[in-house]
Amino acid sequence: QVQLVESGGGLVQAGGSLRLSCAASGRIFSIAAMGWYRQPQGKQRVLVATITRRGRIDYADSVKGRFTLSRDNANNTVYLQMNSLRPEDTDVYYCNTIRVATLTGVSDYWGQGTRVTVSS
């Protein structure tokens, strides 16, 4: 069974920084892509950033130049460095893994969510 363990959320003042991390555990052979989504209250989850196993990264326009996504393939971990945070970045952030290959097959997984609050 695959589990995603997220950490790094919290409260920060505008202009500050946070680093989110998400580690996937279990008998994992490979993960095609890892990344982060955010979910505004009452709305669907939207992409923040995602990275493929080969290192291709896509960012939401709103975070380009402020957030940096990186991945440790050996440890199945993805990191989101969030700089120059703004109050509008406030949301619950969810780790996402796509096409996780294990002995039982290939599936996608979501983390439990970590809250990021940016005060003005």
C-alpha atoms as a PDB file:
ATOM      1  CA  GLN A   1       0.000   0.000   0.000  1.00  0.00           C
ATOM      2  CA  VAL A   2       1.240   3.462  -0.864  1.00  0.00           C
ATOM      3  CA  GLN A   3       1.129   6.291   1.647  1.00  0.00           C
ATOM      4  CA  LEU A   4       1.932   9.946   1.082  1.00  0.00           C
ATOM      5  CA  VAL A   5       3.261  11.852   4.069  1.00  0.00           C
ATOM      6  CA  GLU A   6       3.140  15.618   3.754  1.00  0.00           C
ATOM      7  CA  SER A   7       4.839  18.187   5.924  1.00  0.00           C
ATOM      8  CA  GLY A   8       5.831  21.835   5.980  1.00  0.00           C
ATOM      9  CA  GLY A   9       2.585  23.772   5.990  1.00  0.00           C
ATOM     10  CA  GLY A  10       1.877  26.494   8.492  1.00  0.00           C
ATOM     11  CA  LEU A  11       1.388  30.192   9.103  1.00  0.00           C
ATOM     12  CA  VAL A  12       3.729  32.751   7.632  1.00  0.00           C
ATOM     13  CA  GLN A  13       3.675  36.479   6.996  1.00  0.00           C
ATOM     14  CA  ALA A  14       3.443  37.868   3.496  1.00  0.00           C
ATOM     15  CA  GLY A  15       6.838  37.833   1.845  1.00  0.00           C
ATOM     16  CA  GLY A  16       7.951  34.843   3.856  1.00  0.00           C
ATOM     17  CA  SER A  17       8.805  31.305   2.825  1.00  0.00           C
ATOM     18  CA  LEU A  18       7.671  27.782   3.466  1.00  0.00           C
ATOM     19  CA  ARG A  19       8.886  24.438   2.200  1.00  0.00           C
ATOM     20  CA  LEU A  20       6.433  21.621   1.637  1.00  0.00           C
ATOM     21  CA  SER A  21       7.586  18.060   1.343  1.00  0.00           C
ATOM     22  CA  CYS A  22       5.798  14.871   0.379  1.00  0.00           C
ATOM     23  CA  ALA A  23       7.279  11.431   0.753  1.00  0.00           C
ATOM     24  CA  ALA A  24       5.694   8.400  -0.863  1.00  0.00           C
ATOM     25  CA  SER A  25       6.242   5.156   1.004  1.00  0.00           C
ATOM     26  CA  GLY A  26       5.514   1.540   0.160  1.00  0.00           C
ATOM     27  CA  ARG A  27       6.879  -1.003  -2.268  1.00  0.00           C
ATOM     28  CA  ILE A  28       7.109   1.444  -5.137  1.00  0.00           C
ATOM     29  CA  PHE A  29       8.827   0.657  -8.397  1.00  0.00           C
ATOM     30  CA  SER A  30       8.377   4.049 -10.028  1.00  0.00           C
ATOM     31  CA  ILE A  31       6.323   7.231  -9.989  1.00  0.00           C
ATOM     32  CA  ALA A  32       5.633   8.970 -13.277  1.00  0.00           C
ATOM     33  CA  ALA A  33       4.958  12.411 -11.836  1.00  0.00           C
ATOM     34  CA  MET A  34       4.722  14.114  -8.457  1.00  0.00           C
ATOM     35  CA  GLY A  35       3.462  17.493  -7.547  1.00  0.00           C
ATOM     36  CA  TRP A  36       1.204  19.778  -5.577  1.00  0.00           C
ATOM     37  CA  TYR A  37      -2.313  21.048  -6.016  1.00  0.00           C
ATOM     38  CA  ARG A  38      -4.272  23.554  -3.987  1.00  0.00           C
ATOM     39  CA  GLN A  39      -7.959  23.630  -3.243  1.00  0.00           C
ATOM     40  CA  PRO A  40      -9.724  26.916  -2.686  1.00  0.00           C
ATOM     41  CA  GLN A  41     -12.705  26.550  -0.409  1.00  0.00           C
ATOM     42  CA  GLY A  42     -15.716  25.323  -2.311  1.00  0.00           C
ATOM     43  CA  LYS A  43     -13.777  24.843  -5.519  1.00  0.00           C
ATOM     44  CA  GLN A  44     -11.916  22.076  -7.318  1.00  0.00           C
ATOM     45  CA  ARG A  45      -8.264  21.392  -6.839  1.00  0.00           C
ATOM     46  CA  VAL A  46      -5.966  23.259  -9.176  1.00  0.00           C
ATOM     47  CA  LEU A  47      -2.395  22.635 -10.175  1.00  0.00           C
ATOM     48  CA  VAL A  48       0.410  24.409  -8.371  1.00  0.00           C
ATOM     49  CA  ALA A  49       3.363  22.522  -9.840  1.00  0.00           C
ATOM     50  CA  THR A  50       4.218  19.060 -11.063  1.00  0.00           C
ATOM     51  CA  ILE A  51       7.423  17.282 -12.032  1.00  0.00           C
ATOM     52  CA  THR A  52       7.917  14.161 -14.106  1.00  0.00           C
ATOM     53  CA  ARG A  53      10.417  11.449 -13.301  1.00  0.00           C
ATOM     54  CA  ARG A  54      12.669  12.873 -15.984  1.00  0.00           C
ATOM     55  CA  GLY A  55      12.548  16.328 -14.464  1.00  0.00           C
ATOM     56  CA  ARG A  56      10.086  18.213 -16.627  1.00  0.00           C
ATOM     57  CA  ILE A  57       8.331  20.788 -14.453  1.00  0.00           C
ATOM     58  CA  ASP A  58       5.088  22.664 -14.996  1.00  0.00           C
ATOM     59  CA  TYR A  59       4.055  25.584 -12.796  1.00  0.00           C
ATOM     60  CA  ALA A  60       0.826  27.480 -12.437  1.00  0.00           C
ATOM     61  CA  ASP A  61       1.289  30.997 -13.806  1.00  0.00           C
ATOM     62  CA  SER A  62       0.528  32.457 -10.387  1.00  0.00           C
ATOM     63  CA  VAL A  63       3.584  30.839  -8.783  1.00  0.00           C
ATOM     64  CA  LYS A  64       6.184  31.117 -11.538  1.00  0.00           C
ATOM     65  CA  GLY A  65       9.301  32.834 -10.256  1.00  0.00           C
ATOM     66  CA  ARG A  66       8.277  32.370  -6.614  1.00  0.00           C
ATOM     67  CA  PHE A  67       7.894  28.627  -6.113  1.00  0.00           C
ATOM     68  CA  THR A  68      10.432  25.951  -6.952  1.00  0.00           C
ATOM     69  CA  LEU A  69       9.574  22.275  -7.263  1.00  0.00           C
ATOM     70  CA  SER A  70      12.168  19.548  -6.939  1.00  0.00           C
ATOM     71  CA  ARG A  71      12.149  15.796  -6.669  1.00  0.00           C
ATOM     72  CA  ASP A  72      14.292  13.083  -5.114  1.00  0.00           C
ATOM     73  CA  ASN A  73      13.594   9.995  -7.185  1.00  0.00           C
ATOM     74  CA  ALA A  74      15.673   7.718  -4.977  1.00  0.00           C
ATOM     75  CA  ASN A  75      13.488   8.543  -1.973  1.00  0.00           C
ATOM     76  CA  ASN A  76      10.199   9.151  -3.816  1.00  0.00           C
ATOM     77  CA  THR A  77       9.983  12.617  -2.328  1.00  0.00           C
ATOM     78  CA  VAL A  78       8.912  15.919  -3.812  1.00  0.00           C
ATOM     79  CA  TYR A  79       9.630  19.364  -2.386  1.00  0.00           C
ATOM     80  CA  LEU A  80       7.925  22.685  -2.996  1.00  0.00           C
ATOM     81  CA  GLN A  81       9.938  25.711  -1.954  1.00  0.00           C
ATOM     82  CA  MET A  82       7.521  28.612  -1.627  1.00  0.00           C
ATOM     83  CA  ASN A  83       9.088  32.064  -1.532  1.00  0.00           C
ATOM     84  CA  SER A  84       7.619  35.558  -1.598  1.00  0.00           C
ATOM     85  CA  LEU A  85       4.355  34.186  -0.284  1.00  0.00           C
ATOM     86  CA  ARG A  86       1.211  36.244  -0.703  1.00  0.00           C
ATOM     87  CA  PRO A  87      -2.086  36.159   1.188  1.00  0.00           C
ATOM     88  CA  GLU A  88      -3.719  34.775  -1.949  1.00  0.00           C
ATOM     89  CA  ASP A  89      -1.495  31.695  -1.679  1.00  0.00           C
ATOM     90  CA  THR A  90      -3.490  30.702   1.391  1.00  0.00           C
ATOM     91  CA  ASP A  91      -5.136  27.327   0.832  1.00  0.00           C
ATOM     92  CA  VAL A  92      -4.909  23.645   1.606  1.00  0.00           C
ATOM     93  CA  TYR A  93      -2.155  22.092  -0.502  1.00  0.00           C
ATOM     94  CA  TYR A  94      -2.344  18.462  -1.586  1.00  0.00           C
ATOM     95  CA  CYS A  95       0.457  16.230  -2.740  1.00  0.00           C
ATOM     96  CA  ASN A  96      -0.319  14.261  -5.873  1.00  0.00           C
ATOM     97  CA  THR A  97       1.429  11.271  -7.388  1.00  0.00           C
ATOM     98  CA  ILE A  98       0.611   9.973 -10.849  1.00  0.00           C
ATOM     99  CA  ARG A  99       1.058   6.428 -12.154  1.00  0.00           C
ATOM    100  CA  VAL A 100       2.629   4.928  -9.076  1.00  0.00           C
ATOM    101  CA  ALA A 101       3.774   1.438 -10.003  1.00  0.00           C
ATOM    102  CA  THR A 102       3.728  -1.247  -7.314  1.00  0.00           C
ATOM    103  CA  LEU A 103       3.388  -5.034  -7.225  1.00  0.00           C
ATOM    104  CA  THR A 104      -0.392  -4.699  -7.350  1.00  0.00           C
ATOM    105  CA  GLY A 105      -0.551  -2.359 -10.301  1.00  0.00           C
ATOM    106  CA  VAL A 106      -0.485   1.321 -11.235  1.00  0.00           C
ATOM    107  CA  SER A 107      -2.550   3.982  -9.465  1.00  0.00           C
ATOM    108  CA  ASP A 108      -2.679   7.662  -8.620  1.00  0.00           C
ATOM    109  CA  TYR A 109      -2.602   8.881  -5.011  1.00  0.00           C
ATOM    110  CA  TRP A 110      -3.352  12.024  -3.028  1.00  0.00           C
ATOM    111  CA  GLY A 111      -1.957  13.199   0.276  1.00  0.00           C
ATOM    112  CA  GLN A 112      -4.157  14.264   3.173  1.00  0.00           C
ATOM    113  CA  GLY A 113      -3.485  17.964   2.621  1.00  0.00           C
ATOM    114  CA  THR A 114      -1.468  20.536   4.499  1.00  0.00           C
ATOM    115  CA  ARG A 115      -2.697  24.028   5.215  1.00  0.00           C
ATOM    116  CA  VAL A 116      -0.734  27.075   4.169  1.00  0.00           C
ATOM    117  CA  THR A 117      -1.821  30.388   5.651  1.00  0.00           C
ATOM    118  CA  VAL A 118      -0.197  33.658   4.620  1.00  0.00           C
ATOM    119  CA  SER A 119      -1.057  36.683   6.715  1.00  0.00           C
ATOM    120  CA  SER A 120      -0.945  40.222   5.349  1.00  0.00           C
END
